[in-house]
Amino acid sequence: MRILLTLFFMVFAGYASAGSLARIETYLNTLASAQADFRQYNADGSESHGRLALLRPGRIRFDYADPDTSVVLAAAGALYIYDRAGDPQPEVYPLSRTPFDFLLQRQLDLKTPGLVQSVKPLDGGRILLRAGVPDAPDSGTLDLVFNQSPMQLIAWVLRTEDGSTTLVELDNLVENPELDSHQFTRESITPELGR
Protein backbone atom coordinates (compact mmCIF):
# COMPACT_ATOMS: atom_id res chain seq x y z
CA MET A 1 0.00 0.00 0.00
CA ARG A 2 2.80 2.41 0.90
CA ILE A 3 4.41 1.77 -2.51
CA LEU A 4 1.13 2.52 -4.29
CA LEU A 5 0.71 5.79 -2.40
CA THR A 6 4.30 6.77 -3.18
CA LEU A 7 3.76 6.03 -6.88
CA PHE A 8 0.47 7.97 -6.85
CA PHE A 9 2.14 11.06 -5.38
CA MET A 10 5.06 10.79 -7.80
CA VAL A 11 2.68 10.61 -10.78
CA PHE A 12 0.51 13.44 -9.36
CA ALA A 13 3.60 15.61 -8.80
CA GLY A 14 4.66 14.89 -12.40
CA TYR A 15 1.28 16.02 -13.73
CA ALA A 16 1.35 19.12 -11.52
CA SER A 17 4.86 19.96 -12.78
CA ALA A 18 3.82 19.39 -16.41
CA GLY A 19 0.77 21.63 -15.93
CA SER A 20 2.87 24.32 -14.26
CA LEU A 21 5.47 24.06 -17.00
CA ALA A 22 2.80 24.54 -19.68
CA ARG A 23 1.38 27.60 -17.85
CA ILE A 24 4.87 29.11 -17.47
CA GLU A 25 5.65 28.49 -21.14
CA THR A 26 2.36 30.13 -22.22
CA TYR A 27 3.02 33.11 -19.94
CA LEU A 28 6.58 33.63 -21.16
CA ASN A 29 5.56 33.26 -24.81
CA THR A 30 3.03 36.06 -24.39
CA LEU A 31 5.63 38.31 -22.75
CA ALA A 32 7.07 40.16 -25.75
CA SER A 33 8.38 43.06 -23.66
CA ALA A 34 8.62 44.12 -20.04
CA GLN A 35 9.87 46.87 -17.75
CA ALA A 36 10.46 46.65 -14.02
CA ASP A 37 12.38 48.04 -11.11
CA PHE A 38 14.85 45.53 -9.72
CA ARG A 39 16.80 44.94 -6.54
CA GLN A 40 19.86 42.74 -6.85
CA TYR A 41 21.51 40.83 -4.01
CA ASN A 42 25.05 39.88 -5.00
CA ALA A 43 27.16 36.91 -3.89
CA ASP A 44 29.53 39.22 -1.99
CA GLY A 45 26.68 40.54 0.18
CA SER A 46 26.34 43.84 -1.63
CA GLU A 47 23.04 45.15 -2.99
CA SER A 48 22.22 47.25 -6.01
CA HIS A 49 19.09 48.36 -7.75
CA GLY A 50 17.88 49.92 -10.96
CA ARG A 51 15.54 49.50 -13.89
CA LEU A 52 15.35 46.74 -16.47
CA ALA A 53 13.79 46.53 -19.87
CA LEU A 54 13.25 43.36 -21.91
CA LEU A 55 12.37 43.13 -25.58
CA ARG A 56 12.12 39.69 -27.13
CA PRO A 57 13.70 38.26 -29.05
CA GLY A 58 17.23 38.64 -27.76
CA ARG A 59 17.30 41.90 -25.83
CA ILE A 60 17.45 42.87 -22.18
CA ARG A 61 18.97 45.88 -20.45
CA PHE A 62 19.78 46.53 -16.79
CA ASP A 63 20.47 50.16 -15.87
CA TYR A 64 21.92 50.29 -12.36
CA ALA A 65 21.21 53.29 -10.12
CA ASP A 66 23.93 55.37 -8.46
CA PRO A 67 26.42 54.75 -7.05
CA ASP A 68 26.72 51.75 -9.39
CA THR A 69 27.73 52.80 -12.90
CA SER A 70 27.03 49.48 -14.63
CA VAL A 71 24.83 48.74 -17.59
CA VAL A 72 24.22 45.16 -18.69
CA LEU A 73 22.93 44.76 -22.22
CA ALA A 74 21.99 41.66 -24.19
CA ALA A 75 21.73 42.35 -27.91
CA ALA A 76 22.97 40.96 -31.21
CA GLY A 77 23.64 37.54 -29.67
CA ALA A 78 26.00 38.84 -26.97
CA LEU A 79 25.86 39.92 -23.34
CA TYR A 80 27.76 43.17 -22.73
CA ILE A 81 28.72 44.44 -19.29
CA TYR A 82 29.64 48.12 -19.25
CA ASP A 83 31.10 50.31 -16.55
CA ARG A 84 30.18 53.84 -17.59
CA ALA A 85 32.70 55.31 -15.15
CA GLY A 86 35.53 52.98 -16.14
CA ASP A 87 36.80 51.21 -19.22
CA PRO A 88 34.70 52.16 -22.27
CA GLN A 89 35.16 48.64 -23.64
CA PRO A 90 32.63 46.20 -22.21
CA GLU A 91 33.13 42.66 -21.06
CA VAL A 92 31.48 40.52 -23.76
CA TYR A 93 30.04 37.00 -23.51
CA PRO A 94 28.12 34.93 -26.09
CA LEU A 95 24.47 35.10 -25.05
CA SER A 96 24.03 31.46 -26.07
CA ARG A 97 26.45 30.46 -23.28
CA THR A 98 24.37 32.15 -20.58
CA PRO A 99 21.20 30.99 -18.84
CA PHE A 100 19.43 34.16 -20.09
CA ASP A 101 19.52 32.91 -23.68
CA PHE A 102 16.38 30.77 -23.38
CA LEU A 103 14.40 33.58 -21.73
CA LEU A 104 15.11 35.90 -24.66
CA GLN A 105 14.09 33.51 -27.44
CA ARG A 106 11.26 34.59 -29.75
CA GLN A 107 9.31 31.43 -28.93
CA LEU A 108 10.21 29.30 -25.92
CA ASP A 109 9.95 25.55 -25.86
CA LEU A 110 10.46 24.52 -22.25
CA LYS A 111 10.40 20.87 -23.33
CA THR A 112 13.80 21.29 -25.02
CA PRO A 113 15.99 18.46 -23.64
CA GLY A 114 18.35 19.69 -20.94
CA LEU A 115 16.74 23.14 -20.61
CA VAL A 116 14.41 22.74 -17.64
CA GLN A 117 16.08 20.98 -14.74
CA SER A 118 13.19 21.20 -12.30
CA VAL A 119 9.81 22.77 -11.51
CA LYS A 120 8.87 23.10 -7.84
CA PRO A 121 5.98 24.65 -5.93
CA LEU A 122 7.01 27.21 -3.30
CA ASP A 123 5.18 28.68 -0.34
CA GLY A 124 2.75 31.51 -0.94
CA GLY A 125 1.37 30.26 -4.27
CA ARG A 126 4.68 30.66 -6.07
CA ILE A 127 6.52 28.28 -8.36
CA LEU A 128 10.20 27.89 -9.25
CA LEU A 129 11.55 26.81 -12.62
CA ARG A 130 15.25 25.94 -12.80
CA ALA A 131 16.75 26.23 -16.29
CA GLY A 132 20.21 25.53 -17.58
CA VAL A 133 22.02 25.84 -20.89
CA PRO A 134 21.51 22.56 -22.80
CA ASP A 135 24.70 22.97 -24.86
CA ALA A 136 26.77 24.13 -21.87
CA PRO A 137 25.47 22.38 -18.75
CA ASP A 138 28.36 23.69 -16.62
CA SER A 139 27.67 27.35 -17.43
CA GLY A 140 25.25 27.90 -14.56
CA THR A 141 21.51 27.92 -13.97
CA LEU A 142 18.70 30.42 -13.83
CA ASP A 143 15.92 29.89 -11.26
CA LEU A 144 12.81 31.81 -12.28
CA VAL A 145 10.23 32.47 -9.57
CA PHE A 146 6.61 33.11 -10.56
CA ASN A 147 3.43 34.03 -8.74
CA GLN A 148 0.82 31.55 -9.94
CA SER A 149 -2.34 33.61 -9.59
CA PRO A 150 -2.05 35.62 -11.67
CA MET A 151 1.00 34.14 -13.39
CA GLN A 152 3.81 36.71 -13.18
CA LEU A 153 7.61 36.61 -13.06
CA ILE A 154 8.69 38.08 -9.71
CA ALA A 155 12.35 37.09 -9.24
CA TRP A 156 15.24 34.97 -10.39
CA VAL A 157 18.44 33.52 -9.02
CA LEU A 158 21.45 33.26 -11.31
CA ARG A 159 23.95 30.58 -10.34
CA THR A 160 27.23 30.86 -12.20
CA GLU A 161 29.61 28.06 -13.09
CA ASP A 162 31.80 28.97 -10.09
CA GLY A 163 28.86 28.48 -7.70
CA SER A 164 28.17 32.12 -6.84
CA THR A 165 24.54 33.27 -6.74
CA THR A 166 22.82 36.55 -7.54
CA LEU A 167 19.20 37.14 -6.56
CA VAL A 168 17.14 39.67 -8.53
CA GLU A 169 13.70 40.69 -7.27
CA LEU A 170 11.31 42.50 -9.60
CA ASP A 171 8.88 45.22 -8.60
CA ASN A 172 6.41 47.32 -10.60
CA LEU A 173 6.55 44.89 -13.52
CA VAL A 174 4.80 46.22 -16.63
CA GLU A 175 4.10 43.50 -19.18
CA ASN A 176 4.19 44.18 -22.92
CA PRO A 177 4.83 47.95 -22.90
CA GLU A 178 5.87 49.76 -26.08
CA LEU A 179 9.67 50.05 -25.91
CA ASP A 180 12.13 52.00 -28.02
CA SER A 181 14.43 49.41 -29.61
CA HIS A 182 17.27 51.97 -29.68
CA GLN A 183 17.79 51.51 -25.92
CA PHE A 184 19.00 47.99 -26.70
CA THR A 185 21.90 49.14 -28.88
CA ARG A 186 25.50 49.65 -27.83
CA GLU A 187 25.26 53.21 -29.15
CA SER A 188 22.59 54.04 -26.58
CA ILE A 189 25.00 53.45 -23.70
CA THR A 190 27.85 55.65 -24.83
CA PRO A 191 27.86 57.11 -28.35
CA GLU A 192 31.59 56.50 -28.87
CA LEU A 193 31.07 52.73 -28.56
CA GLY A 194 29.22 52.64 -31.86
CA ARG A 195 32.08 54.13 -33.86
C-alpha atoms as a PDB file:
ATOM      1  CA  MET A   1       0.000   0.000   0.000  1.00  0.00           C
ATOM      2  CA  ARG A   2       2.802   2.406   0.896  1.00  0.00           C
ATOM      3  CA  ILE A   3       4.413   1.769  -2.506  1.00  0.00           C
ATOM      4  CA  LEU A   4       1.126   2.518  -4.294  1.00  0.00           C
ATOM      5  CA  LEU A   5       0.713   5.789  -2.395  1.00  0.00           C
ATOM      6  CA  THR A   6       4.298   6.770  -3.180  1.00  0.00           C
ATOM      7  CA  LEU A   7       3.759   6.025  -6.881  1.00  0.00           C
ATOM      8  CA  PHE A   8       0.472   7.969  -6.855  1.00  0.00           C
ATOM      9  CA  PHE A   9       2.142  11.060  -5.380  1.00  0.00           C
ATOM     10  CA  MET A  10       5.061  10.792  -7.801  1.00  0.00           C
ATOM     11  CA  VAL A  11       2.677  10.611 -10.780  1.00  0.00           C
ATOM     12  CA  PHE A  12       0.513  13.439  -9.359  1.00  0.00           C
ATOM     13  CA  ALA A  13       3.598  15.610  -8.805  1.00  0.00           C
ATOM     14  CA  GLY A  14       4.663  14.886 -12.399  1.00  0.00           C
ATOM     15  CA  TYR A  15       1.278  16.019 -13.735  1.00  0.00           C
ATOM     16  CA  ALA A  16       1.351  19.121 -11.523  1.00  0.00           C
ATOM     17  CA  SER A  17       4.858  19.958 -12.782  1.00  0.00           C
ATOM     18  CA  ALA A  18       3.817  19.389 -16.408  1.00  0.00           C
ATOM     19  CA  GLY A  19       0.772  21.633 -15.928  1.00  0.00           C
ATOM     20  CA  SER A  20       2.874  24.321 -14.256  1.00  0.00           C
ATOM     21  CA  LEU A  21       5.468  24.057 -17.005  1.00  0.00           C
ATOM     22  CA  ALA A  22       2.796  24.543 -19.677  1.00  0.00           C
ATOM     23  CA  ARG A  23       1.384  27.602 -17.850  1.00  0.00           C
ATOM     24  CA  ILE A  24       4.872  29.106 -17.473  1.00  0.00           C
ATOM     25  CA  GLU A  25       5.646  28.487 -21.145  1.00  0.00           C
ATOM     26  CA  THR A  26       2.365  30.134 -22.215  1.00  0.00           C
ATOM     27  CA  TYR A  27       3.022  33.112 -19.940  1.00  0.00           C
ATOM     28  CA  LEU A  28       6.584  33.629 -21.161  1.00  0.00           C
ATOM     29  CA  ASN A  29       5.558  33.258 -24.811  1.00  0.00           C
ATOM     30  CA  THR A  30       3.025  36.064 -24.387  1.00  0.00           C
ATOM     31  CA  LEU A  31       5.631  38.311 -22.746  1.00  0.00           C
ATOM     32  CA  ALA A  32       7.065  40.160 -25.745  1.00  0.00           C
ATOM     33  CA  SER A  33       8.384  43.058 -23.664  1.00  0.00           C
ATOM     34  CA  ALA A  34       8.622  44.118 -20.041  1.00  0.00           C
ATOM     35  CA  GLN A  35       9.874  46.871 -17.755  1.00  0.00           C
ATOM     36  CA  ALA A  36      10.460  46.651 -14.024  1.00  0.00           C
ATOM     37  CA  ASP A  37      12.381  48.039 -11.113  1.00  0.00           C
ATOM     38  CA  PHE A  38      14.849  45.526  -9.721  1.00  0.00           C
ATOM     39  CA  ARG A  39      16.803  44.943  -6.538  1.00  0.00           C
ATOM     40  CA  GLN A  40      19.863  42.740  -6.850  1.00  0.00           C
ATOM     41  CA  TYR A  41      21.512  40.830  -4.005  1.00  0.00           C
ATOM     42  CA  ASN A  42      25.052  39.884  -4.997  1.00  0.00           C
ATOM     43  CA  ALA A  43      27.158  36.912  -3.889  1.00  0.00           C
ATOM     44  CA  ASP A  44      29.534  39.220  -1.986  1.00  0.00           C
ATOM     45  CA  GLY A  45      26.681  40.536   0.178  1.00  0.00           C
ATOM     46  CA  SER A  46      26.338  43.839  -1.633  1.00  0.00           C
ATOM     47  CA  GLU A  47      23.045  45.151  -2.994  1.00  0.00           C
ATOM     48  CA  SER A  48      22.221  47.255  -6.005  1.00  0.00           C
ATOM     49  CA  HIS A  49      19.087  48.360  -7.755  1.00  0.00           C
ATOM     50  CA  GLY A  50      17.881  49.917 -10.960  1.00  0.00           C
ATOM     51  CA  ARG A  51      15.540  49.504 -13.894  1.00  0.00           C
ATOM     52  CA  LEU A  52      15.347  46.736 -16.468  1.00  0.00           C
ATOM     53  CA  ALA A  53      13.791  46.526 -19.875  1.00  0.00           C
ATOM     54  CA  LEU A  54      13.247  43.356 -21.906  1.00  0.00           C
ATOM     55  CA  LEU A  55      12.369  43.131 -25.584  1.00  0.00           C
ATOM     56  CA  ARG A  56      12.116  39.691 -27.130  1.00  0.00           C
ATOM     57  CA  PRO A  57      13.697  38.258 -29.046  1.00  0.00           C
ATOM     58  CA  GLY A  58      17.235  38.641 -27.762  1.00  0.00           C
ATOM     59  CA  ARG A  59      17.302  41.902 -25.832  1.00  0.00           C
ATOM     60  CA  ILE A  60      17.449  42.869 -22.177  1.00  0.00           C
ATOM     61  CA  ARG A  61      18.974  45.885 -20.449  1.00  0.00           C
ATOM     62  CA  PHE A  62      19.781  46.528 -16.792  1.00  0.00           C
ATOM     63  CA  ASP A  63      20.470  50.164 -15.868  1.00  0.00           C
ATOM     64  CA  TYR A  64      21.924  50.290 -12.363  1.00  0.00           C
ATOM     65  CA  ALA A  65      21.208  53.288 -10.124  1.00  0.00           C
ATOM     66  CA  ASP A  66      23.927  55.371  -8.457  1.00  0.00           C
ATOM     67  CA  PRO A  67      26.416  54.752  -7.049  1.00  0.00           C
ATOM     68  CA  ASP A  68      26.718  51.748  -9.386  1.00  0.00           C
ATOM     69  CA  THR A  69      27.726  52.796 -12.896  1.00  0.00           C
ATOM     70  CA  SER A  70      27.031  49.482 -14.633  1.00  0.00           C
ATOM     71  CA  VAL A  71      24.832  48.744 -17.589  1.00  0.00           C
ATOM     72  CA  VAL A  72      24.219  45.159 -18.691  1.00  0.00           C
ATOM     73  CA  LEU A  73      22.931  44.758 -22.221  1.00  0.00           C
ATOM     74  CA  ALA A  74      21.985  41.662 -24.186  1.00  0.00           C
ATOM     75  CA  ALA A  75      21.730  42.347 -27.908  1.00  0.00           C
ATOM     76  CA  ALA A  76      22.968  40.956 -31.208  1.00  0.00           C
ATOM     77  CA  GLY A  77      23.644  37.541 -29.669  1.00  0.00           C
ATOM     78  CA  ALA A  78      25.998  38.839 -26.970  1.00  0.00           C
ATOM     79  CA  LEU A  79      25.857  39.920 -23.343  1.00  0.00           C
ATOM     80  CA  TYR A  80      27.758  43.173 -22.733  1.00  0.00           C
ATOM     81  CA  ILE A  81      28.721  44.443 -19.286  1.00  0.00           C
ATOM     82  CA  TYR A  82      29.636  48.121 -19.252  1.00  0.00           C
ATOM     83  CA  ASP A  83      31.105  50.313 -16.550  1.00  0.00           C
ATOM     84  CA  ARG A  84      30.183  53.842 -17.590  1.00  0.00           C
ATOM     85  CA  ALA A  85      32.702  55.313 -15.147  1.00  0.00           C
ATOM     86  CA  GLY A  86      35.532  52.982 -16.138  1.00  0.00           C
ATOM     87  CA  ASP A  87      36.799  51.214 -19.219  1.00  0.00           C
ATOM     88  CA  PRO A  88      34.700  52.161 -22.271  1.00  0.00           C
ATOM     89  CA  GLN A  89      35.164  48.637 -23.642  1.00  0.00           C
ATOM     90  CA  PRO A  90      32.634  46.197 -22.212  1.00  0.00           C
ATOM     91  CA  GLU A  91      33.130  42.657 -21.060  1.00  0.00           C
ATOM     92  CA  VAL A  92      31.476  40.522 -23.761  1.00  0.00           C
ATOM     93  CA  TYR A  93      30.038  37.004 -23.512  1.00  0.00           C
ATOM     94  CA  PRO A  94      28.124  34.933 -26.090  1.00  0.00           C
ATOM     95  CA  LEU A  95      24.471  35.095 -25.048  1.00  0.00           C
ATOM     96  CA  SER A  96      24.025  31.456 -26.071  1.00  0.00           C
ATOM     97  CA  ARG A  97      26.449  30.456 -23.280  1.00  0.00           C
ATOM     98  CA  THR A  98      24.368  32.155 -20.576  1.00  0.00           C
ATOM     99  CA  PRO A  99      21.197  30.995 -18.839  1.00  0.00           C
ATOM    100  CA  PHE A 100      19.433  34.162 -20.095  1.00  0.00           C
ATOM    101  CA  ASP A 101      19.516  32.911 -23.680  1.00  0.00           C
ATOM    102  CA  PHE A 102      16.385  30.767 -23.380  1.00  0.00           C
ATOM    103  CA  LEU A 103      14.397  33.578 -21.731  1.00  0.00           C
ATOM    104  CA  LEU A 104      15.108  35.901 -24.655  1.00  0.00           C
ATOM    105  CA  GLN A 105      14.091  33.506 -27.443  1.00  0.00           C
ATOM    106  CA  ARG A 106      11.264  34.586 -29.750  1.00  0.00           C
ATOM    107  CA  GLN A 107       9.309  31.425 -28.931  1.00  0.00           C
ATOM    108  CA  LEU A 108      10.211  29.304 -25.921  1.00  0.00           C
ATOM    109  CA  ASP A 109       9.947  25.550 -25.858  1.00  0.00           C
ATOM    110  CA  LEU A 110      10.463  24.518 -22.253  1.00  0.00           C
ATOM    111  CA  LYS A 111      10.398  20.874 -23.331  1.00  0.00           C
ATOM    112  CA  THR A 112      13.802  21.285 -25.019  1.00  0.00           C
ATOM    113  CA  PRO A 113      15.986  18.459 -23.643  1.00  0.00           C
ATOM    114  CA  GLY A 114      18.348  19.694 -20.937  1.00  0.00           C
ATOM    115  CA  LEU A 115      16.742  23.138 -20.607  1.00  0.00           C
ATOM    116  CA  VAL A 116      14.406  22.738 -17.636  1.00  0.00           C
ATOM    117  CA  GLN A 117      16.076  20.984 -14.745  1.00  0.00           C
ATOM    118  CA  SER A 118      13.187  21.197 -12.296  1.00  0.00           C
ATOM    119  CA  VAL A 119       9.813  22.774 -11.514  1.00  0.00           C
ATOM    120  CA  LYS A 120       8.871  23.104  -7.840  1.00  0.00           C
ATOM    121  CA  PRO A 121       5.976  24.651  -5.933  1.00  0.00           C
ATOM    122  CA  LEU A 122       7.007  27.211  -3.298  1.00  0.00           C
ATOM    123  CA  ASP A 123       5.179  28.682  -0.338  1.00  0.00           C
ATOM    124  CA  GLY A 124       2.746  31.512  -0.941  1.00  0.00           C
ATOM    125  CA  GLY A 125       1.372  30.262  -4.268  1.00  0.00           C
ATOM    126  CA  ARG A 126       4.680  30.657  -6.073  1.00  0.00           C
ATOM    127  CA  ILE A 127       6.520  28.277  -8.357  1.00  0.00           C
ATOM    128  CA  LEU A 128      10.199  27.890  -9.245  1.00  0.00           C
ATOM    129  CA  LEU A 129      11.545  26.807 -12.623  1.00  0.00           C
ATOM    130  CA  ARG A 130      15.248  25.945 -12.799  1.00  0.00           C
ATOM    131  CA  ALA A 131      16.750  26.233 -16.285  1.00  0.00           C
ATOM    132  CA  GLY A 132      20.210  25.532 -17.582  1.00  0.00           C
ATOM    133  CA  VAL A 133      22.025  25.835 -20.890  1.00  0.00           C
ATOM    134  CA  PRO A 134      21.509  22.557 -22.801  1.00  0.00           C
ATOM    135  CA  ASP A 135      24.703  22.966 -24.863  1.00  0.00           C
ATOM    136  CA  ALA A 136      26.774  24.131 -21.873  1.00  0.00           C
ATOM    137  CA  PRO A 137      25.473  22.378 -18.753  1.00  0.00           C
ATOM    138  CA  ASP A 138      28.355  23.694 -16.617  1.00  0.00           C
ATOM    139  CA  SER A 139      27.665  27.350 -17.430  1.00  0.00           C
ATOM    140  CA  GLY A 140      25.246  27.905 -14.565  1.00  0.00           C
ATOM    141  CA  THR A 141      21.506  27.923 -13.971  1.00  0.00           C
ATOM    142  CA  LEU A 142      18.697  30.422 -13.827  1.00  0.00           C
ATOM    143  CA  ASP A 143      15.923  29.889 -11.261  1.00  0.00           C
ATOM    144  CA  LEU A 144      12.814  31.813 -12.282  1.00  0.00           C
ATOM    145  CA  VAL A 145      10.233  32.471  -9.567  1.00  0.00           C
ATOM    146  CA  PHE A 146       6.607  33.114 -10.558  1.00  0.00           C
ATOM    147  CA  ASN A 147       3.431  34.026  -8.744  1.00  0.00           C
ATOM    148  CA  GLN A 148       0.823  31.545  -9.944  1.00  0.00           C
ATOM    149  CA  SER A 149      -2.338  33.614  -9.595  1.00  0.00           C
ATOM    150  CA  PRO A 150      -2.046  35.619 -11.674  1.00  0.00           C
ATOM    151  CA  MET A 151       1.004  34.142 -13.387  1.00  0.00           C
ATOM    152  CA  GLN A 152       3.810  36.707 -13.182  1.00  0.00           C
ATOM    153  CA  LEU A 153       7.609  36.610 -13.061  1.00  0.00           C
ATOM    154  CA  ILE A 154       8.687  38.078  -9.709  1.00  0.00           C
ATOM    155  CA  ALA A 155      12.351  37.090  -9.240  1.00  0.00           C
ATOM    156  CA  TRP A 156      15.242  34.970 -10.394  1.00  0.00           C
ATOM    157  CA  VAL A 157      18.445  33.523  -9.016  1.00  0.00           C
ATOM    158  CA  LEU A 158      21.446  33.264 -11.309  1.00  0.00           C
ATOM    159  CA  ARG A 159      23.951  30.576 -10.343  1.00  0.00           C
ATOM    160  CA  THR A 160      27.231  30.863 -12.197  1.00  0.00           C
ATOM    161  CA  GLU A 161      29.610  28.062 -13.092  1.00  0.00           C
ATOM    162  CA  ASP A 162      31.799  28.971 -10.092  1.00  0.00           C
ATOM    163  CA  GLY A 163      28.859  28.476  -7.703  1.00  0.00           C
ATOM    164  CA  SER A 164      28.166  32.119  -6.840  1.00  0.00           C
ATOM    165  CA  THR A 165      24.544  33.274  -6.736  1.00  0.00           C
ATOM    166  CA  THR A 166      22.821  36.546  -7.535  1.00  0.00           C
ATOM    167  CA  LEU A 167      19.195  37.142  -6.559  1.00  0.00           C
ATOM    168  CA  VAL A 168      17.144  39.672  -8.531  1.00  0.00           C
ATOM    169  CA  GLU A 169      13.701  40.686  -7.271  1.00  0.00           C
ATOM    170  CA  LEU A 170      11.310  42.499  -9.603  1.00  0.00           C
ATOM    171  CA  ASP A 171       8.884  45.224  -8.602  1.00  0.00           C
ATOM    172  CA  ASN A 172       6.405  47.319 -10.598  1.00  0.00           C
ATOM    173  CA  LEU A 173       6.548  44.889 -13.522  1.00  0.00           C
ATOM    174  CA  VAL A 174       4.803  46.219 -16.626  1.00  0.00           C
ATOM    175  CA  GLU A 175       4.099  43.501 -19.181  1.00  0.00           C
ATOM    176  CA  ASN A 176       4.186  44.182 -22.923  1.00  0.00           C
ATOM    177  CA  PRO A 177       4.826  47.948 -22.899  1.00  0.00           C
ATOM    178  CA  GLU A 178       5.871  49.760 -26.077  1.00  0.00           C
ATOM    179  CA  LEU A 179       9.668  50.046 -25.910  1.00  0.00           C
ATOM    180  CA  ASP A 180      12.129  52.001 -28.022  1.00  0.00           C
ATOM    181  CA  SER A 181      14.427  49.407 -29.609  1.00  0.00           C
ATOM    182  CA  HIS A 182      17.272  51.974 -29.679  1.00  0.00           C
ATOM    183  CA  GLN A 183      17.785  51.514 -25.924  1.00  0.00           C
ATOM    184  CA  PHE A 184      19.000  47.988 -26.705  1.00  0.00           C
ATOM    185  CA  THR A 185      21.896  49.145 -28.880  1.00  0.00           C
ATOM    186  CA  ARG A 186      25.499  49.649 -27.832  1.00  0.00           C
ATOM    187  CA  GLU A 187      25.265  53.212 -29.154  1.00  0.00           C
ATOM    188  CA  SER A 188      22.586  54.037 -26.583  1.00  0.00           C
ATOM    189  CA  ILE A 189      25.003  53.448 -23.704  1.00  0.00           C
ATOM    190  CA  THR A 190      27.852  55.646 -24.832  1.00  0.00           C
ATOM    191  CA  PRO A 191      27.855  57.110 -28.351  1.00  0.00           C
ATOM    192  CA  GLU A 192      31.594  56.503 -28.866  1.00  0.00           C
ATOM    193  CA  LEU A 193      31.073  52.726 -28.561  1.00  0.00           C
ATOM    194  CA  GLY A 194      29.224  52.643 -31.862  1.00  0.00           C
ATOM    195  CA  ARG A 195      32.078  54.135 -33.860  1.00  0.00           C
END
